[in-house]
């Protein structure tokens, strides 16, 4: 049985920061290996993974033969843990690169796709199409990427509390929230980078949360607690589009709110 996206999101290596959770990019080799060349063919080549460096020791007349002792129970357990971790990472990547998460279907049947390479782990948000302003710089776009994953009060209590307070002040209801970790490949090294954190973001709305006649907006929460509210710029009741301004932060949480 395939793990749910919510379960897979919980498998991301994380570290606690002021905003909430920041992705651990140490397994970027596995991420890159899972990206299709058709979709991500322009991404610069980076580390291709770790090879097995165990030496091949040949037997010689002077070699003292020792009994063939099998792995200890502890070694067997560690091998199982390692294998499970690898399987979980693969499942996470396979889920994150699904087209349904990187595309938004409009009410008229047309589809908008994300121009930013990365992993999109979504449940309640019906796809994200992000078009960074850096796209105008050509090849620079192909060095940028993101990891976007939905969060809640359990993962980001301070940030969600901030959004709840804002929503209460404007008589709004809080919907799904997503963390965006922006990054870039510089000289073959993956680093956090905010260059792509400016552009246009379109998100698909779950009809059970908002639809015809509802007014929606996005609250952005930055490290340290700074916030901004972005109004919807489209007239499609099935989507929300916002213009995201530049920021020095490579990590931003975006929450959808609905006005009563």
Foldseek 3Di string as FASTA:
>chain_A
DADALVVLVVLFDWDQAQQFTDGDCPVVLLLVVPDDCVVQVLADDADNDDDDPDDDDDDDPPDDDDDDDDDDPVVVVVVVVVVVSSVSVNSQSVQFPDQQQQWAAFPVGDIAGALAAEGGRDDQWRHKHWDFPCVVVPSQRSFKHKHKHWDDCVRGVVNNVLVVVVCVVQQKAWDIKMKIQMWGQDPNDIDGFQRRQWGKMKIFHDVVAWFPPKWKWKWKAARPGDIDIFGFDDPTRGMGMGGGHGDRGSMMMIIMIIHD
